[in-house]
């Protein structure tokens, strides 16, 4: 079997849904499972519903209605006959959402989040399944919550692999087009859970592993994986092949290639993953599989902006030892500061970090009691895998280099724009 994953951008409107049909006509749809995300920015819109719900905002009903209008317009654009059964099917999903909002008793934010946000995927797959049937492709709509079983760690649930593999391997029919939801699972009480960051890609990996699939294809609006973000680098080039190991390395440094948790189940059974264009589906795209690290062997650039470079030194010129570093990292963890680069010498310790939650000032007040603290705000961290001197010069041009670190395969450079 083949597993295809279509993200929110690919099904954001009626034209996107029709394009999915066209893609399937070109690449085939027998023995296929479509894993589909919520349409467009629906997840963000549902997060507004959740906020309004907890704030007891008078905007709650209108925020739900806005999502309903968005989906109804897509259905109207796809089906001319307003008596088509898809209208009742979508309306039933919204009725269930409204019932939950009216009757939920749980104050647990993460639990409520998962129950509400899941409607994005449930509705998108309902519409897509009905449209495929309407166009003559018979589909089998699967409620993923009956297949992927997890613990009750809402918003970042862990998969029960034994139960999940048994359910998927025994109950997913072959010789048909199966359509299911990305991102979702269910706990032992059948409450909805979500799988965390890049959850829909992970869903595709789970199904592929449990079915021993031939391949996974993630369909995007780009021709494949590039060696750099085209927004920042003019001459970004397509990578034809990436090894599992290299893809995990790139993800570790912040590249939005493929999340490691998606790759791990695929790597175990050596199932190749393709990243292809839903605009030009017959192009080869990028293959992530066992084999050479990169083909072609280009330097790969990862950019992290709005970073903070912190340098700590001992006030009395004593060495910064393991116990100091342990204490510092304990504080980073406590204040939710993400560390992206580390460099230390005898009496100083430098880190490039991400202060996503705006906690640095509070952290600095504590660190300053024991260390001399110097810091530079709004710096940029460049990571170059398989670096060359030319690649480094490209990054350093017209910038002040604050820190550079080189290992066997990787160069990291912290820069500041020159005024």
Protein backbone atom coordinates (compact mmCIF):
# COMPACT_ATOMS: atom_id res chain seq x y z
CA UNK A 1 0.00 0.00 0.00
CA UNK A 2 0.99 3.63 -0.44
CA UNK A 3 0.33 6.36 2.11
CA UNK A 4 -0.30 9.94 0.87
CA UNK A 5 -0.43 12.92 3.19
CA UNK A 6 -2.11 16.17 2.12
CA UNK A 7 -1.67 19.19 4.39
CA UNK A 8 -3.99 22.11 5.04
CA UNK A 9 -2.62 24.23 2.17
CA UNK A 10 -3.51 21.51 -0.35
CA UNK A 11 -7.20 21.37 0.72
CA UNK A 12 -7.78 25.01 1.68
CA UNK A 13 -10.60 25.57 -0.83
CA UNK A 14 -12.69 23.88 -3.53
CA UNK A 15 -9.91 24.26 -6.10
CA UNK A 16 -7.54 22.46 -3.73
CA UNK A 17 -9.99 19.57 -3.25
CA UNK A 18 -10.41 19.27 -7.02
CA UNK A 19 -6.63 19.27 -7.41
CA UNK A 20 -6.32 16.32 -4.99
CA UNK A 21 -8.69 14.45 -7.32
CA UNK A 22 -6.50 15.41 -10.30
CA UNK A 23 -3.33 14.26 -8.50
CA UNK A 24 -4.91 10.87 -7.76
CA UNK A 25 -5.94 10.51 -11.40
CA UNK A 26 -2.30 10.98 -12.40
CA UNK A 27 -0.54 8.86 -9.77
CA UNK A 28 -3.21 6.21 -9.04
CA UNK A 29 -5.43 5.61 -6.01
CA UNK A 30 -5.81 1.86 -5.53
CA UNK A 31 -4.21 0.52 -2.35
CA UNK A 32 -3.84 4.10 -1.08
CA UNK A 33 -4.50 5.76 2.26
CA UNK A 34 -4.95 9.52 2.22
CA UNK A 35 -4.00 11.18 5.51
CA UNK A 36 -5.51 14.66 5.44
CA UNK A 37 -5.12 17.76 7.62
CA UNK A 38 -7.69 20.42 8.50
CA UNK A 39 -8.52 22.81 5.68
CA UNK A 40 -6.39 25.96 5.37
CA UNK A 41 -6.11 27.79 8.69
CA UNK A 42 -8.97 25.89 10.37
CA UNK A 43 -6.81 24.73 13.29
CA UNK A 44 -5.95 28.37 14.08
CA UNK A 45 -9.65 29.28 13.87
CA UNK A 46 -10.55 26.45 16.25
CA UNK A 47 -7.89 27.70 18.68
CA UNK A 48 -9.80 31.00 18.71
CA UNK A 49 -12.96 29.02 19.57
CA UNK A 50 -11.08 27.37 22.45
CA UNK A 51 -9.87 30.75 23.74
CA UNK A 52 -13.38 32.20 23.53
CA UNK A 53 -14.74 29.14 25.33
CA UNK A 54 -12.37 29.48 28.29
CA UNK A 55 -12.75 33.27 28.37
CA UNK A 56 -16.55 32.84 28.32
CA UNK A 57 -16.47 35.34 25.51
CA UNK A 58 -19.69 36.53 23.80
CA UNK A 59 -17.74 35.94 20.55
CA UNK A 60 -17.84 32.15 21.02
CA UNK A 61 -20.87 31.48 18.81
CA UNK A 62 -19.70 33.83 16.06
CA UNK A 63 -16.23 32.21 16.01
CA UNK A 64 -17.87 28.81 15.46
CA UNK A 65 -20.17 30.28 12.81
CA UNK A 66 -17.18 31.72 10.94
CA UNK A 67 -15.66 28.23 10.62
CA UNK A 68 -19.04 26.82 9.59
CA UNK A 69 -19.45 29.47 6.87
CA UNK A 70 -15.94 28.76 5.54
CA UNK A 71 -16.59 25.04 5.14
CA UNK A 72 -20.13 25.51 3.83
CA UNK A 73 -18.80 27.76 1.07
CA UNK A 74 -16.32 25.07 0.04
CA UNK A 75 -19.12 22.48 -0.04
CA UNK A 76 -21.33 24.82 -2.11
CA UNK A 77 -18.46 25.34 -4.56
CA UNK A 78 -18.01 21.56 -4.92
CA UNK A 79 -21.61 20.35 -4.99
CA UNK A 80 -24.23 22.19 -6.99
CA UNK A 81 -27.05 20.12 -5.51
CA UNK A 82 -27.78 21.52 -2.06
CA UNK A 83 -29.62 18.30 -1.19
CA UNK A 84 -26.43 16.24 -1.49
CA UNK A 85 -25.82 14.16 1.64
CA UNK A 86 -22.49 15.92 2.29
CA UNK A 87 -24.40 18.95 3.67
CA UNK A 88 -26.03 16.82 6.37
CA UNK A 89 -22.73 15.05 7.13
CA UNK A 90 -20.85 18.33 7.68
CA UNK A 91 -23.75 19.80 9.65
CA UNK A 92 -23.66 16.73 11.93
CA UNK A 93 -19.99 17.43 12.73
CA UNK A 94 -20.77 21.03 13.70
CA UNK A 95 -23.75 19.87 15.80
CA UNK A 96 -21.37 17.56 17.69
CA UNK A 97 -18.91 20.43 18.23
CA UNK A 98 -21.65 22.71 19.55
CA UNK A 99 -22.94 19.93 21.83
CA UNK A 100 -19.46 19.56 23.34
CA UNK A 101 -19.16 23.32 23.93
CA UNK A 102 -22.55 23.34 25.65
CA UNK A 103 -22.09 20.24 27.85
CA UNK A 104 -18.37 19.83 28.62
CA UNK A 105 -17.59 19.79 32.33
CA UNK A 106 -13.82 19.32 32.21
CA UNK A 107 -11.65 22.34 33.16
CA UNK A 108 -8.56 20.66 31.66
CA UNK A 109 -7.36 22.97 28.87
CA UNK A 110 -5.35 20.30 27.03
CA UNK A 111 -8.26 17.86 27.10
CA UNK A 112 -10.70 20.48 25.79
CA UNK A 113 -8.17 21.57 23.16
CA UNK A 114 -7.96 18.08 21.67
CA UNK A 115 -11.71 17.50 21.65
CA UNK A 116 -12.37 20.79 19.82
CA UNK A 117 -9.41 21.10 17.45
CA UNK A 118 -10.02 17.58 16.10
CA UNK A 119 -13.13 18.74 14.23
CA UNK A 120 -10.90 20.40 11.61
CA UNK A 121 -9.60 17.04 10.37
CA UNK A 122 -12.94 15.25 10.79
CA UNK A 123 -14.75 17.84 8.65
CA UNK A 124 -12.05 18.13 5.96
CA UNK A 125 -11.93 14.35 5.41
CA UNK A 126 -15.74 14.16 5.36
CA UNK A 127 -15.88 16.72 2.54
CA UNK A 128 -13.00 15.15 0.61
CA UNK A 129 -14.47 11.64 0.87
CA UNK A 130 -17.89 12.77 -0.39
CA UNK A 131 -16.31 14.67 -3.28
CA UNK A 132 -14.23 11.67 -4.38
CA UNK A 133 -17.36 9.50 -4.34
CA UNK A 134 -19.22 12.19 -6.28
CA UNK A 135 -16.44 12.15 -8.92
CA UNK A 136 -16.59 8.39 -9.27
CA UNK A 137 -13.73 7.28 -6.99
CA UNK A 138 -15.20 5.05 -4.27
CA UNK A 139 -13.65 5.81 -0.89
CA UNK A 140 -13.58 4.26 2.53
CA UNK A 141 -13.71 6.94 5.27
CA UNK A 142 -11.80 5.84 8.36
CA UNK A 143 -12.15 7.48 11.77
CA UNK A 144 -8.49 7.44 12.78
CA UNK A 145 -9.47 7.40 16.46
CA UNK A 146 -10.57 3.78 15.98
CA UNK A 147 -7.07 2.86 14.79
CA UNK A 148 -4.39 4.96 16.51
CA UNK A 149 -4.50 4.34 20.26
CA UNK A 150 -2.55 6.56 22.65
CA UNK A 151 -2.11 7.46 26.29
CA UNK A 152 -4.04 10.39 27.78
CA UNK A 153 -1.25 12.95 27.42
CA UNK A 154 -3.48 15.43 25.59
CA UNK A 155 -1.86 17.65 22.92
CA UNK A 156 1.25 15.43 22.77
CA UNK A 157 -0.02 11.88 23.09
CA UNK A 158 2.25 8.84 22.89
CA UNK A 159 1.21 5.99 20.61
CA UNK A 160 0.38 2.55 21.99
CA UNK A 161 2.19 0.76 19.18
CA UNK A 162 1.03 -2.76 20.00
CA UNK A 163 -2.68 -1.89 20.05
CA UNK A 164 -2.36 0.46 17.07
CA UNK A 165 -0.51 -2.04 14.88
CA UNK A 166 -3.07 -4.75 15.57
CA UNK A 167 -6.03 -2.47 14.75
CA UNK A 168 -4.50 -1.06 11.56
CA UNK A 169 -3.08 -4.30 10.17
CA UNK A 170 -6.36 -6.20 10.67
CA UNK A 171 -8.96 -3.56 9.79
CA UNK A 172 -7.71 -1.33 6.96
CA UNK A 173 -9.16 -2.64 3.68
CA UNK A 174 -7.01 -2.99 0.58
CA UNK A 175 -7.83 -2.41 -3.10
CA UNK A 176 -9.64 0.83 -2.28
CA UNK A 177 -8.98 4.50 -1.52
CA UNK A 178 -9.00 4.99 2.25
CA UNK A 179 -9.33 8.52 3.64
CA UNK A 180 -8.47 9.33 7.24
CA UNK A 181 -7.44 12.18 9.51
CA UNK A 182 -3.93 13.26 10.39
CA UNK A 183 -2.85 14.45 13.86
CA UNK A 184 -5.53 12.55 15.85
CA UNK A 185 -5.77 9.46 18.04
CA UNK A 186 -7.84 8.26 21.00
CA UNK A 187 -7.04 7.18 24.55
CA UNK A 188 -8.33 4.07 26.32
CA UNK A 189 -11.57 5.88 27.19
CA UNK A 190 -12.04 6.84 23.51
CA UNK A 191 -11.49 10.53 24.17
CA UNK A 192 -9.75 12.28 21.27
CA UNK A 193 -6.03 12.96 21.58
CA UNK A 194 -3.60 14.79 19.30
CA UNK A 195 -0.06 13.78 18.42
CA UNK A 196 1.76 17.10 18.77
CA UNK A 197 4.01 18.92 16.34
CA UNK A 198 3.89 17.65 12.73
CA UNK A 199 1.19 15.21 13.86
CA UNK A 200 -0.28 14.59 10.40
CA UNK A 201 3.09 13.56 8.94
CA UNK A 202 3.51 11.28 11.96
CA UNK A 203 0.10 9.72 11.29
CA UNK A 204 1.26 8.84 7.79
CA UNK A 205 4.38 7.24 9.27
CA UNK A 206 2.30 5.22 11.75
CA UNK A 207 0.00 3.80 9.07
CA UNK A 208 2.96 3.02 6.80
CA UNK A 209 4.78 1.16 9.56
CA UNK A 210 1.73 -0.84 10.64
CA UNK A 211 0.86 -1.83 7.06
CA UNK A 212 4.41 -2.40 5.84
CA UNK A 213 3.66 0.19 3.16
CA UNK A 214 5.54 0.54 -0.11
CA UNK A 215 6.11 4.27 0.49
CA UNK A 216 4.87 7.49 2.07
CA UNK A 217 4.40 10.65 0.00
CA UNK A 218 3.93 14.08 1.56
CA UNK A 219 2.36 16.42 -0.99
CA UNK A 220 3.41 20.08 -0.72
CA UNK A 221 3.31 23.28 -2.78
CA UNK A 222 7.07 23.01 -3.44
CA UNK A 223 8.92 20.63 -5.79
CA UNK A 224 10.56 18.79 -2.87
CA UNK A 225 13.11 19.47 -0.14
CA UNK A 226 15.44 22.35 -0.94
CA UNK A 227 18.97 22.83 0.41
CA UNK A 228 17.95 26.27 1.75
CA UNK A 229 14.87 28.37 2.38
CA UNK A 230 14.20 30.25 -0.91
CA UNK A 231 12.97 33.24 1.14
CA UNK A 232 16.53 33.81 2.39
CA UNK A 233 18.71 32.27 -0.34
CA UNK A 234 18.32 33.13 -4.02
CA UNK A 235 19.93 29.98 -5.42
CA UNK A 236 18.17 27.31 -3.36
CA UNK A 237 18.36 23.92 -5.11
CA UNK A 238 16.32 20.74 -4.98
CA UNK A 239 17.74 17.74 -3.12
CA UNK A 240 16.95 14.49 -4.93
CA UNK A 241 17.91 12.12 -2.10
CA UNK A 242 18.37 12.50 1.66
CA UNK A 243 19.25 9.66 4.03
CA UNK A 244 17.11 9.08 7.14
CA UNK A 245 20.11 10.04 9.26
CA UNK A 246 20.72 13.27 7.38
CA UNK A 247 17.04 14.25 7.52
CA UNK A 248 17.07 13.77 11.30
CA UNK A 249 20.27 15.84 11.58
CA UNK A 250 18.71 18.65 9.52
CA UNK A 251 15.54 18.56 11.64
CA UNK A 252 17.62 18.69 14.83
CA UNK A 253 19.18 21.97 13.69
CA UNK A 254 15.79 23.44 12.85
CA UNK A 255 15.11 22.60 9.21
CA UNK A 256 11.46 21.99 8.46
CA UNK A 257 12.33 18.91 6.43
CA UNK A 258 10.56 16.04 8.16
CA UNK A 259 10.07 15.70 11.91
CA UNK A 260 12.23 12.90 13.43
CA UNK A 261 9.20 11.18 14.98
CA UNK A 262 7.79 10.72 11.45
CA UNK A 263 11.04 9.20 10.21
CA UNK A 264 11.66 6.81 13.10
CA UNK A 265 8.92 4.25 12.25
CA UNK A 266 9.78 4.47 8.53
CA UNK A 267 13.48 3.90 9.19
CA UNK A 268 12.74 0.72 11.17
CA UNK A 269 11.16 -0.91 8.10
CA UNK A 270 13.20 1.03 5.52
CA UNK A 271 10.05 2.56 3.98
CA UNK A 272 11.00 5.45 1.66
CA UNK A 273 9.39 8.84 2.14
CA UNK A 274 8.84 11.18 -0.81
CA UNK A 275 8.24 14.92 -0.69
CA UNK A 276 6.46 15.93 -3.91
CA UNK A 277 4.58 18.82 -5.47
CA UNK A 278 0.78 18.66 -5.63
CA UNK A 279 1.09 21.29 -8.37
CA UNK A 280 3.34 19.10 -10.55
CA UNK A 281 2.71 15.59 -9.19
CA UNK A 282 4.67 13.73 -11.88
CA UNK A 283 7.96 15.41 -10.92
CA UNK A 284 10.30 13.12 -8.95
CA UNK A 285 10.53 15.31 -5.84
CA UNK A 286 12.82 14.32 -2.96
CA UNK A 287 13.27 10.82 -1.58
CA UNK A 288 14.20 10.28 2.08
CA UNK A 289 15.47 6.73 2.44
CA UNK A 290 18.40 4.47 3.24
CA UNK A 291 21.45 5.40 1.18
CA UNK A 292 23.76 8.34 0.53
CA UNK A 293 23.43 11.31 2.89
CA UNK A 294 22.72 13.83 0.14
CA UNK A 295 22.38 13.80 -3.62
CA UNK A 296 23.49 16.16 -5.00
CA UNK A 297 26.10 16.98 -2.35
CA UNK A 298 25.16 20.62 -1.70
CA UNK A 299 25.72 22.54 1.51
CA UNK A 300 22.40 22.78 3.40
CA UNK A 301 21.50 26.05 5.12
CA UNK A 302 19.21 26.38 8.14
CA UNK A 303 18.33 29.85 9.45
CA UNK A 304 17.00 30.72 12.90
CA UNK A 305 16.18 34.39 13.37
CA UNK A 306 15.39 36.44 16.49
CA UNK A 307 17.84 34.48 18.63
CA UNK A 308 19.62 35.59 21.80
CA UNK A 309 23.38 35.11 22.29
CA UNK A 310 24.21 34.86 26.00
CA UNK A 311 27.76 34.75 27.39
CA UNK A 312 28.28 33.87 31.03
CA UNK A 313 31.60 34.24 32.82
CA UNK A 314 32.60 33.69 36.41
CA UNK A 315 32.78 36.83 38.49
CA UNK A 316 35.97 35.71 40.29
CA UNK A 317 37.72 34.23 37.23
CA UNK A 318 37.23 30.67 38.51
CA UNK A 319 36.55 27.86 36.06
CA UNK A 320 33.01 27.20 34.89
CA UNK A 321 32.69 23.54 35.80
CA UNK A 322 30.12 20.78 35.32
CA UNK A 323 28.10 21.80 38.37
CA UNK A 324 27.79 25.37 37.02
CA UNK A 325 26.70 24.14 33.61
CA UNK A 326 24.19 21.76 35.19
CA UNK A 327 22.69 24.63 37.19
CA UNK A 328 22.54 26.88 34.11
CA UNK A 329 20.75 24.24 32.05
CA UNK A 330 18.34 23.59 34.90
CA UNK A 331 17.39 27.28 34.75
CA UNK A 332 17.04 27.19 30.95
CA UNK A 333 14.62 24.29 31.36
CA UNK A 334 12.69 26.04 34.12
CA UNK A 335 12.28 29.22 32.06
CA UNK A 336 11.52 27.35 28.79
CA UNK A 337 14.58 28.72 27.01
CA UNK A 338 15.53 26.55 24.00
CA UNK A 339 19.28 26.14 23.50
CA UNK A 340 20.46 25.90 19.87
CA UNK A 341 24.25 26.24 20.24
CA UNK A 342 26.76 25.81 23.07
CA UNK A 343 30.39 26.94 23.33
CA UNK A 344 32.50 27.05 26.45
CA UNK A 345 36.02 27.91 27.57
CA UNK A 346 37.72 27.79 30.97
CA UNK A 347 35.99 30.86 32.41
CA UNK A 348 33.12 31.56 30.00
CA UNK A 349 30.09 29.77 28.62
CA UNK A 350 28.16 30.98 25.56
CA UNK A 351 24.80 29.82 24.26
CA UNK A 352 22.58 30.86 21.38
CA UNK A 353 18.99 30.45 22.55
CA UNK A 354 15.39 31.03 21.61
CA UNK A 355 13.30 32.95 24.15
CA UNK A 356 9.92 31.96 22.73
CA UNK A 357 8.01 32.73 25.92
CA UNK A 358 9.73 36.04 26.79
CA UNK A 359 11.28 34.78 30.03
CA UNK A 360 14.85 36.00 29.58
CA UNK A 361 14.61 39.07 31.83
CA UNK A 362 13.50 36.92 34.76
CA UNK A 363 16.23 34.39 34.01
CA UNK A 364 18.85 37.12 33.69
CA UNK A 365 17.97 38.45 37.16
CA UNK A 366 18.85 35.05 38.64
CA UNK A 367 21.96 34.39 36.53
CA UNK A 368 23.39 37.86 37.29
CA UNK A 369 23.66 36.97 40.97
CA UNK A 370 26.32 34.33 40.23
CA UNK A 371 27.76 35.21 36.81
CA UNK A 372 28.75 38.15 34.68
CA UNK A 373 26.12 38.12 31.93
CA UNK A 374 26.62 39.65 28.48
CA UNK A 375 24.01 39.21 25.77
CA UNK A 376 23.13 40.28 22.25
CA UNK A 377 19.49 40.35 21.19
CA UNK A 378 17.96 39.70 17.77
CA UNK A 379 20.89 37.75 16.36
CA UNK A 380 20.63 35.13 13.59
CA UNK A 381 21.93 31.57 13.84
CA UNK A 382 23.01 29.94 10.58
CA UNK A 383 23.70 26.22 10.50
CA UNK A 384 25.46 24.83 7.42
CA UNK A 385 25.52 21.07 6.98
CA UNK A 386 28.29 19.84 4.61
CA UNK A 387 29.77 23.33 4.67
CA UNK A 388 32.30 24.84 2.30
CA UNK A 389 34.29 28.06 2.60
CA UNK A 390 32.11 29.62 -0.13
CA UNK A 391 28.97 28.66 1.82
CA UNK A 392 30.38 30.31 4.95
CA UNK A 393 31.27 33.47 3.03
CA UNK A 394 27.71 33.66 1.67
CA UNK A 395 26.36 33.68 5.22
CA UNK A 396 28.95 36.08 6.67
CA UNK A 397 28.75 38.71 3.92
CA UNK A 398 27.78 42.18 5.24
CA UNK A 399 27.26 40.85 8.76
CA UNK A 400 29.12 40.95 12.06
CA UNK A 401 30.14 37.43 13.10
CA UNK A 402 29.68 37.05 16.85
CA UNK A 403 30.47 33.35 17.17
CA UNK A 404 31.53 30.52 14.87
CA UNK A 405 31.70 26.83 15.67
CA UNK A 406 32.87 24.03 13.37
CA UNK A 407 32.54 20.26 13.67
CA UNK A 408 33.23 17.53 11.11
CA UNK A 409 30.04 18.02 9.05
CA UNK A 410 28.50 21.18 10.48
CA UNK A 411 29.35 24.86 10.81
CA UNK A 412 27.27 27.20 12.98
CA UNK A 413 27.60 30.96 12.75
CA UNK A 414 25.90 33.57 14.92
CA UNK A 415 25.60 36.91 13.13
CA UNK A 416 24.26 40.39 13.66
CA UNK A 417 23.22 42.72 10.87
CA UNK A 418 25.60 45.65 10.37
CA UNK A 419 23.96 49.02 10.93
